[in-house]
Amino acid sequence: MNAEIERNLGEQPIARIMREHNLKPHDLVTASPVEMTHKMVSRACKGRRRTANTQWKVLQALNRASGKNYSLTDLFNY
């Protein structure tokens, strides 16, 4: 009865937002106030399902790097 959760959800809105601001995963890693890896950002963009904690880290880093104030619903569609 353990149904498999779909983990690969296709490109997420965060990828488009990062392109609009000419940001690379490294830009978010360096802007992050907490420990974060390039892999976390890359997987978030590709649509690999992220935990709430990782989503929050990516959101904070994107807001710092872009100078905007995005919400989680702007970045992820799952």
PDB file of N, CA and C in Angstrom:
ATOM      1  N   MET A   1       0.804  -1.189   0.000  1.00  0.00           N
ATOM      2  CA  MET A   1       0.000   0.000   0.000  1.00  0.00           C
ATOM      3  C   MET A   1       0.852   1.259   0.000  1.00  0.00           C
ATOM      4  N   ASN A   2       2.154   1.116   0.005  1.00  0.00           N
ATOM      5  CA  ASN A   2       3.051   2.273  -0.011  1.00  0.00           C
ATOM      6  C   ASN A   2       3.226   2.746  -1.457  1.00  0.00           C
ATOM      7  N   ALA A   3       2.399   3.686  -1.863  1.00  0.00           N
ATOM      8  CA  ALA A   3       2.464   4.211  -3.228  1.00  0.00           C
ATOM      9  C   ALA A   3       3.737   5.042  -3.387  1.00  0.00           C
ATOM     10  N   GLU A   4       4.391   4.878  -4.499  1.00  0.00           N
ATOM     11  CA  GLU A   4       5.624   5.620  -4.777  1.00  0.00           C
ATOM     12  C   GLU A   4       5.297   7.097  -5.022  1.00  0.00           C
ATOM     13  N   ILE A   5       5.993   7.970  -4.331  1.00  0.00           N
ATOM     14  CA  ILE A   5       5.808   9.413  -4.490  1.00  0.00           C
ATOM     15  C   ILE A   5       6.601   9.860  -5.714  1.00  0.00           C
ATOM     16  N   GLU A   6       5.955  10.637  -6.579  1.00  0.00           N
ATOM     17  CA  GLU A   6       6.648  11.173  -7.749  1.00  0.00           C
ATOM     18  C   GLU A   6       7.663  12.205  -7.284  1.00  0.00           C
ATOM     19  N   ARG A   7       8.925  11.969  -7.589  1.00  0.00           N
ATOM     20  CA  ARG A   7       9.985  12.850  -7.098  1.00  0.00           C
ATOM     21  C   ARG A   7      10.511  13.790  -8.188  1.00  0.00           C
ATOM     22  N   ASN A   8      10.413  13.396  -9.440  1.00  0.00           N
ATOM     23  CA  ASN A   8      10.885  14.243 -10.534  1.00  0.00           C
ATOM     24  C   ASN A   8       9.690  14.960 -11.141  1.00  0.00           C
ATOM     25  N   LEU A   9       9.624  16.255 -10.906  1.00  0.00           N
ATOM     26  CA  LEU A   9       8.428  17.013 -11.266  1.00  0.00           C
ATOM     27  C   LEU A   9       8.644  18.007 -12.398  1.00  0.00           C
ATOM     28  N   GLY A  10       9.736  17.907 -13.091  1.00  0.00           N
ATOM     29  CA  GLY A  10       9.998  18.813 -14.201  1.00  0.00           C
ATOM     30  C   GLY A  10      10.521  20.159 -13.733  1.00  0.00           C
ATOM     31  N   GLU A  11      10.978  20.946 -14.673  1.00  0.00           N
ATOM     32  CA  GLU A  11      11.570  22.237 -14.336  1.00  0.00           C
ATOM     33  C   GLU A  11      10.603  23.082 -13.511  1.00  0.00           C
ATOM     34  N   GLN A  12      11.125  23.681 -12.472  1.00  0.00           N
ATOM     35  CA  GLN A  12      10.331  24.485 -11.551  1.00  0.00           C
ATOM     36  C   GLN A  12      10.446  25.970 -11.892  1.00  0.00           C
ATOM     37  N   PRO A  13       9.489  26.777 -11.422  1.00  0.00           N
ATOM     38  CA  PRO A  13       9.538  28.221 -11.676  1.00  0.00           C
ATOM     39  C   PRO A  13      10.825  28.887 -11.199  1.00  0.00           C
ATOM     40  N   ILE A  14      11.486  28.332 -10.194  1.00  0.00           N
ATOM     41  CA  ILE A  14      12.740  28.920  -9.717  1.00  0.00           C
ATOM     42  C   ILE A  14      13.778  28.976 -10.832  1.00  0.00           C
ATOM     43  N   ALA A  15      13.777  28.013 -11.732  1.00  0.00           N
ATOM     44  CA  ALA A  15      14.746  28.003 -12.836  1.00  0.00           C
ATOM     45  C   ALA A  15      14.534  29.214 -13.741  1.00  0.00           C
ATOM     46  N   ARG A  16      13.286  29.531 -14.031  1.00  0.00           N
ATOM     47  CA  ARG A  16      12.968  30.698 -14.868  1.00  0.00           C
ATOM     48  C   ARG A  16      13.359  31.988 -14.153  1.00  0.00           C
ATOM     49  N   ILE A  17      13.055  32.072 -12.863  1.00  0.00           N
ATOM     50  CA  ILE A  17      13.386  33.266 -12.085  1.00  0.00           C
ATOM     51  C   ILE A  17      14.900  33.478 -12.051  1.00  0.00           C
ATOM     52  N   MET A  18      15.644  32.397 -11.863  1.00  0.00           N
ATOM     53  CA  MET A  18      17.104  32.518 -11.841  1.00  0.00           C
ATOM     54  C   MET A  18      17.633  32.978 -13.194  1.00  0.00           C
ATOM     55  N   ARG A  19      17.052  32.479 -14.288  1.00  0.00           N
ATOM     56  CA  ARG A  19      17.478  32.930 -15.631  1.00  0.00           C
ATOM     57  C   ARG A  19      17.183  34.413 -15.820  1.00  0.00           C
ATOM     58  N   GLU A  20      16.024  34.869 -15.351  1.00  0.00           N
ATOM     59  CA  GLU A  20      15.646  36.288 -15.479  1.00  0.00           C
ATOM     60  C   GLU A  20      16.644  37.201 -14.777  1.00  0.00           C
ATOM     61  N   HIS A  21      17.194  36.731 -13.667  1.00  0.00           N
ATOM     62  CA  HIS A  21      18.144  37.523 -12.889  1.00  0.00           C
ATOM     63  C   HIS A  21      19.603  37.170 -13.211  1.00  0.00           C
ATOM     64  N   ASN A  22      19.802  36.313 -14.217  1.00  0.00           N
ATOM     65  CA  ASN A  22      21.149  35.850 -14.591  1.00  0.00           C
ATOM     66  C   ASN A  22      21.903  35.268 -13.397  1.00  0.00           C
ATOM     67  N   LEU A  23      21.223  34.447 -12.626  1.00  0.00           N
ATOM     68  CA  LEU A  23      21.820  33.825 -11.453  1.00  0.00           C
ATOM     69  C   LEU A  23      22.159  32.365 -11.739  1.00  0.00           C
ATOM     70  N   LYS A  24      23.263  31.921 -11.208  1.00  0.00           N
ATOM     71  CA  LYS A  24      23.708  30.529 -11.284  1.00  0.00           C
ATOM     72  C   LYS A  24      23.586  29.932  -9.885  1.00  0.00           C
ATOM     73  N   PRO A  25      23.586  28.596  -9.778  1.00  0.00           N
ATOM     74  CA  PRO A  25      23.535  27.984  -8.444  1.00  0.00           C
ATOM     75  C   PRO A  25      24.605  28.527  -7.496  1.00  0.00           C
ATOM     76  N   HIS A  26      25.784  28.824  -8.016  1.00  0.00           N
ATOM     77  CA  HIS A  26      26.858  29.346  -7.168  1.00  0.00           C
ATOM     78  C   HIS A  26      26.480  30.687  -6.543  1.00  0.00           C
ATOM     79  N   ASP A  27      25.741  31.506  -7.276  1.00  0.00           N
ATOM     80  CA  ASP A  27      25.314  32.800  -6.744  1.00  0.00           C
ATOM     81  C   ASP A  27      24.410  32.625  -5.522  1.00  0.00           C
ATOM     82  N   LEU A  28      23.533  31.621  -5.559  1.00  0.00           N
ATOM     83  CA  LEU A  28      22.658  31.366  -4.425  1.00  0.00           C
ATOM     84  C   LEU A  28      23.430  30.788  -3.251  1.00  0.00           C
ATOM     85  N   VAL A  29      24.388  29.913  -3.536  1.00  0.00           N
ATOM     86  CA  VAL A  29      25.186  29.317  -2.462  1.00  0.00           C
ATOM     87  C   VAL A  29      25.969  30.394  -1.725  1.00  0.00           C
ATOM     88  N   THR A  30      26.563  31.318  -2.451  1.00  0.00           N
ATOM     89  CA  THR A  30      27.345  32.375  -1.802  1.00  0.00           C
ATOM     90  C   THR A  30      26.455  33.380  -1.079  1.00  0.00           C
ATOM     91  N   ALA A  31      25.223  33.583  -1.544  1.00  0.00           N
ATOM     92  CA  ALA A  31      24.306  34.536  -0.909  1.00  0.00           C
ATOM     93  C   ALA A  31      23.591  33.941   0.299  1.00  0.00           C
ATOM     94  N   SER A  32      23.619  32.627   0.423  1.00  0.00           N
ATOM     95  CA  SER A  32      22.869  31.958   1.482  1.00  0.00           C
ATOM     96  C   SER A  32      23.418  32.283   2.868  1.00  0.00           C
ATOM     97  N   PRO A  33      22.528  32.623   3.801  1.00  0.00           N
ATOM     98  CA  PRO A  33      22.961  32.884   5.178  1.00  0.00           C
ATOM     99  C   PRO A  33      23.217  31.590   5.959  1.00  0.00           C
ATOM    100  N   VAL A  34      22.782  30.469   5.416  1.00  0.00           N
ATOM    101  CA  VAL A  34      22.977  29.163   6.054  1.00  0.00           C
ATOM    102  C   VAL A  34      23.713  28.234   5.096  1.00  0.00           C
ATOM    103  N   GLU A  35      24.179  27.117   5.619  1.00  0.00           N
ATOM    104  CA  GLU A  35      24.917  26.174   4.788  1.00  0.00           C
ATOM    105  C   GLU A  35      24.006  25.608   3.700  1.00  0.00           C
ATOM    106  N   MET A  36      24.504  25.675   2.468  1.00  0.00           N
ATOM    107  CA  MET A  36      23.745  25.205   1.322  1.00  0.00           C
ATOM    108  C   MET A  36      24.728  24.726   0.264  1.00  0.00           C
ATOM    109  N   THR A  37      24.304  23.751  -0.553  1.00  0.00           N
ATOM    110  CA  THR A  37      25.189  23.223  -1.584  1.00  0.00           C
ATOM    111  C   THR A  37      24.668  23.558  -2.978  1.00  0.00           C
ATOM    112  N   HIS A  38      25.576  23.469  -3.942  1.00  0.00           N
ATOM    113  CA  HIS A  38      25.197  23.673  -5.341  1.00  0.00           C
ATOM    114  C   HIS A  38      24.186  22.612  -5.773  1.00  0.00           C
ATOM    115  N   LYS A  39      24.346  21.414  -5.255  1.00  0.00           N
ATOM    116  CA  LYS A  39      23.459  20.315  -5.618  1.00  0.00           C
ATOM    117  C   LYS A  39      22.025  20.588  -5.164  1.00  0.00           C
ATOM    118  N   MET A  40      21.854  21.200  -4.010  1.00  0.00           N
ATOM    119  CA  MET A  40      20.515  21.534  -3.519  1.00  0.00           C
ATOM    120  C   MET A  40      19.804  22.462  -4.508  1.00  0.00           C
ATOM    121  N   VAL A  41      20.526  23.460  -4.983  1.00  0.00           N
ATOM    122  CA  VAL A  41      19.941  24.445  -5.898  1.00  0.00           C
ATOM    123  C   VAL A  41      19.661  23.799  -7.254  1.00  0.00           C
ATOM    124  N   SER A  42      20.601  23.042  -7.766  1.00  0.00           N
ATOM    125  CA  SER A  42      20.426  22.407  -9.071  1.00  0.00           C
ATOM    126  C   SER A  42      19.241  21.454  -9.070  1.00  0.00           C
ATOM    127  N   ARG A  43      19.118  20.676  -8.032  1.00  0.00           N
ATOM    128  CA  ARG A  43      17.994  19.732  -7.953  1.00  0.00           C
ATOM    129  C   ARG A  43      16.662  20.457  -7.781  1.00  0.00           C
ATOM    130  N   ALA A  44      16.659  21.553  -7.064  1.00  0.00           N
ATOM    131  CA  ALA A  44      15.428  22.329  -6.905  1.00  0.00           C
ATOM    132  C   ALA A  44      14.965  22.867  -8.262  1.00  0.00           C
ATOM    133  N   CYS A  45      15.904  23.315  -9.079  1.00  0.00           N
ATOM    134  CA  CYS A  45      15.571  23.851 -10.406  1.00  0.00           C
ATOM    135  C   CYS A  45      15.058  22.768 -11.341  1.00  0.00           C
ATOM    136  N   LYS A  46      15.639  21.594 -11.249  1.00  0.00           N
ATOM    137  CA  LYS A  46      15.274  20.493 -12.140  1.00  0.00           C
ATOM    138  C   LYS A  46      13.951  19.848 -11.766  1.00  0.00           C
ATOM    139  N   GLY A  47      13.445  20.137 -10.567  1.00  0.00           N
ATOM    140  CA  GLY A  47      12.164  19.586 -10.172  1.00  0.00           C
ATOM    141  C   GLY A  47      12.262  18.348  -9.316  1.00  0.00           C
ATOM    142  N   ARG A  48      13.437  18.076  -8.804  1.00  0.00           N
ATOM    143  CA  ARG A  48      13.583  16.977  -7.858  1.00  0.00           C
ATOM    144  C   ARG A  48      12.976  17.442  -6.542  1.00  0.00           C
ATOM    145  N   ARG A  49      12.012  16.693  -6.018  1.00  0.00           N
ATOM    146  CA  ARG A  49      11.282  17.119  -4.818  1.00  0.00           C
ATOM    147  C   ARG A  49      12.238  17.403  -3.663  1.00  0.00           C
ATOM    148  N   ARG A  50      12.110  18.584  -3.059  1.00  0.00           N
ATOM    149  CA  ARG A  50      12.960  19.036  -1.955  1.00  0.00           C
ATOM    150  C   ARG A  50      12.159  19.069  -0.660  1.00  0.00           C
ATOM    151  N   THR A  51      12.846  18.902   0.453  1.00  0.00           N
ATOM    152  CA  THR A  51      12.184  19.004   1.755  1.00  0.00           C
ATOM    153  C   THR A  51      11.820  20.463   2.024  1.00  0.00           C
ATOM    154  N   ALA A  52      10.939  20.670   2.983  1.00  0.00           N
ATOM    155  CA  ALA A  52      10.535  22.033   3.337  1.00  0.00           C
ATOM    156  C   ALA A  52      11.734  22.843   3.809  1.00  0.00           C
ATOM    157  N   ASN A  53      12.636  22.222   4.549  1.00  0.00           N
ATOM    158  CA  ASN A  53      13.825  22.910   5.040  1.00  0.00           C
ATOM    159  C   ASN A  53      14.706  23.378   3.871  1.00  0.00           C
ATOM    160  N   THR A  54      14.921  22.513   2.907  1.00  0.00           N
ATOM    161  CA  THR A  54      15.733  22.874   1.743  1.00  0.00           C
ATOM    162  C   THR A  54      15.045  23.952   0.915  1.00  0.00           C
ATOM    163  N   GLN A  55      13.732  23.846   0.750  1.00  0.00           N
ATOM    164  CA  GLN A  55      12.999  24.870   0.003  1.00  0.00           C
ATOM    165  C   GLN A  55      13.182  26.230   0.667  1.00  0.00           C
ATOM    166  N   TRP A  56      13.114  26.267   1.985  1.00  0.00           N
ATOM    167  CA  TRP A  56      13.267  27.523   2.728  1.00  0.00           C
ATOM    168  C   TRP A  56      14.663  28.109   2.521  1.00  0.00           C
ATOM    169  N   LYS A  57      15.690  27.248   2.556  1.00  0.00           N
ATOM    170  CA  LYS A  57      17.066  27.707   2.341  1.00  0.00           C
ATOM    171  C   LYS A  57      17.224  28.299   0.950  1.00  0.00           C
ATOM    172  N   VAL A  58      16.671  27.636  -0.050  1.00  0.00           N
ATOM    173  CA  VAL A  58      16.766  28.118  -1.432  1.00  0.00           C
ATOM    174  C   VAL A  58      16.018  29.445  -1.571  1.00  0.00           C
ATOM    175  N   LEU A  59      14.864  29.547  -0.951  1.00  0.00           N
ATOM    176  CA  LEU A  59      14.079  30.790  -0.996  1.00  0.00           C
ATOM    177  C   LEU A  59      14.860  31.954  -0.392  1.00  0.00           C
ATOM    178  N   GLN A  60      15.426  31.759   0.781  1.00  0.00           N
ATOM    179  CA  GLN A  60      16.190  32.835   1.425  1.00  0.00           C
ATOM    180  C   GLN A  60      17.374  33.264   0.562  1.00  0.00           C
ATOM    181  N   ALA A  61      18.080  32.299   0.003  1.00  0.00           N
ATOM    182  CA  ALA A  61      19.242  32.614  -0.824  1.00  0.00           C
ATOM    183  C   ALA A  61      18.829  33.363  -2.090  1.00  0.00           C
ATOM    184  N   LEU A  62      17.747  32.933  -2.720  1.00  0.00           N
ATOM    185  CA  LEU A  62      17.278  33.609  -3.930  1.00  0.00           C
ATOM    186  C   LEU A  62      16.863  35.042  -3.617  1.00  0.00           C
ATOM    187  N   ASN A  63      16.162  35.249  -2.522  1.00  0.00           N
ATOM    188  CA  ASN A  63      15.738  36.604  -2.160  1.00  0.00           C
ATOM    189  C   ASN A  63      16.941  37.509  -1.904  1.00  0.00           C
ATOM    190  N   ARG A  64      17.976  36.990  -1.266  1.00  0.00           N
ATOM    191  CA  ARG A  64      19.184  37.788  -1.027  1.00  0.00           C
ATOM    192  C   ARG A  64      19.921  38.073  -2.329  1.00  0.00           C
ATOM    193  N   ALA A  65      20.046  37.070  -3.189  1.00  0.00           N
ATOM    194  CA  ALA A  65      20.819  37.227  -4.426  1.00  0.00           C
ATOM    195  C   ALA A  65      20.107  38.124  -5.438  1.00  0.00           C
ATOM    196  N   SER A  66      18.775  38.057  -5.475  1.00  0.00           N
ATOM    197  CA  SER A  66      18.029  38.823  -6.477  1.00  0.00           C
ATOM    198  C   SER A  66      17.606  40.199  -5.986  1.00  0.00           C
ATOM    199  N   GLY A  67      17.552  40.379  -4.677  1.00  0.00           N
ATOM    200  CA  GLY A  67      17.073  41.646  -4.129  1.00  0.00           C
ATOM    201  C   GLY A  67      15.561  41.759  -4.170  1.00  0.00           C
ATOM    202  N   LYS A  68      14.885  40.689  -4.482  1.00  0.00           N
ATOM    203  CA  LYS A  68      13.409  40.654  -4.536  1.00  0.00           C
ATOM    204  C   LYS A  68      12.880  39.934  -3.310  1.00  0.00           C
ATOM    205  N   ASN A  69      11.557  39.822  -3.220  1.00  0.00           N
ATOM    206  CA  ASN A  69      10.935  39.140  -2.091  1.00  0.00           C
ATOM    207  C   ASN A  69       9.954  38.094  -2.613  1.00  0.00           C
ATOM    208  N   TYR A  70      10.474  36.936  -3.007  1.00  0.00           N
ATOM    209  CA  TYR A  70       9.649  35.843  -3.521  1.00  0.00           C
ATOM    210  C   TYR A  70       9.119  35.002  -2.371  1.00  0.00           C
ATOM    211  N   SER A  71       8.068  34.216  -2.662  1.00  0.00           N
ATOM    212  CA  SER A  71       7.531  33.263  -1.687  1.00  0.00           C
ATOM    213  C   SER A  71       7.750  31.851  -2.228  1.00  0.00           C
ATOM    214  N   LEU A  72       7.529  30.850  -1.392  1.00  0.00           N
ATOM    215  CA  LEU A  72       7.719  29.466  -1.819  1.00  0.00           C
ATOM    216  C   LEU A  72       6.815  29.108  -2.994  1.00  0.00           C
ATOM    217  N   THR A  73       5.609  29.654  -3.026  1.00  0.00           N
ATOM    218  CA  THR A  73       4.693  29.347  -4.126  1.00  0.00           C
ATOM    219  C   THR A  73       5.166  29.938  -5.446  1.00  0.00           C
ATOM    220  N   ASP A  74       6.033  30.952  -5.391  1.00  0.00           N
ATOM    221  CA  ASP A  74       6.605  31.521  -6.614  1.00  0.00           C
ATOM    222  C   ASP A  74       7.688  30.595  -7.179  1.00  0.00           C
ATOM    223  N   LEU A  75       8.331  29.811  -6.317  1.00  0.00           N
ATOM    224  CA  LEU A  75       9.487  29.019  -6.721  1.00  0.00           C
ATOM    225  C   LEU A  75       9.165  27.577  -7.085  1.00  0.00           C
ATOM    226  N   PHE A  76       8.184  27.000  -6.419  1.00  0.00           N
ATOM    227  CA  PHE A  76       7.903  25.571  -6.591  1.00  0.00           C
ATOM    228  C   PHE A  76       6.429  25.363  -6.894  1.00  0.00           C
ATOM    229  N   ASN A  77       6.129  24.414  -7.775  1.00  0.00           N
ATOM    230  CA  ASN A  77       4.731  24.123  -8.104  1.00  0.00           C
ATOM    231  C   ASN A  77       4.283  22.765  -7.562  1.00  0.00           C
ATOM    232  N   TYR A  78       4.880  22.323  -6.491  1.00  0.00           N
ATOM    233  CA  TYR A  78       4.433  21.101  -5.819  1.00  0.00           C
ATOM    234  C   TYR A  78       4.207  21.361  -4.356  1.00  0.00           C
TER     235      TYR A  78
END
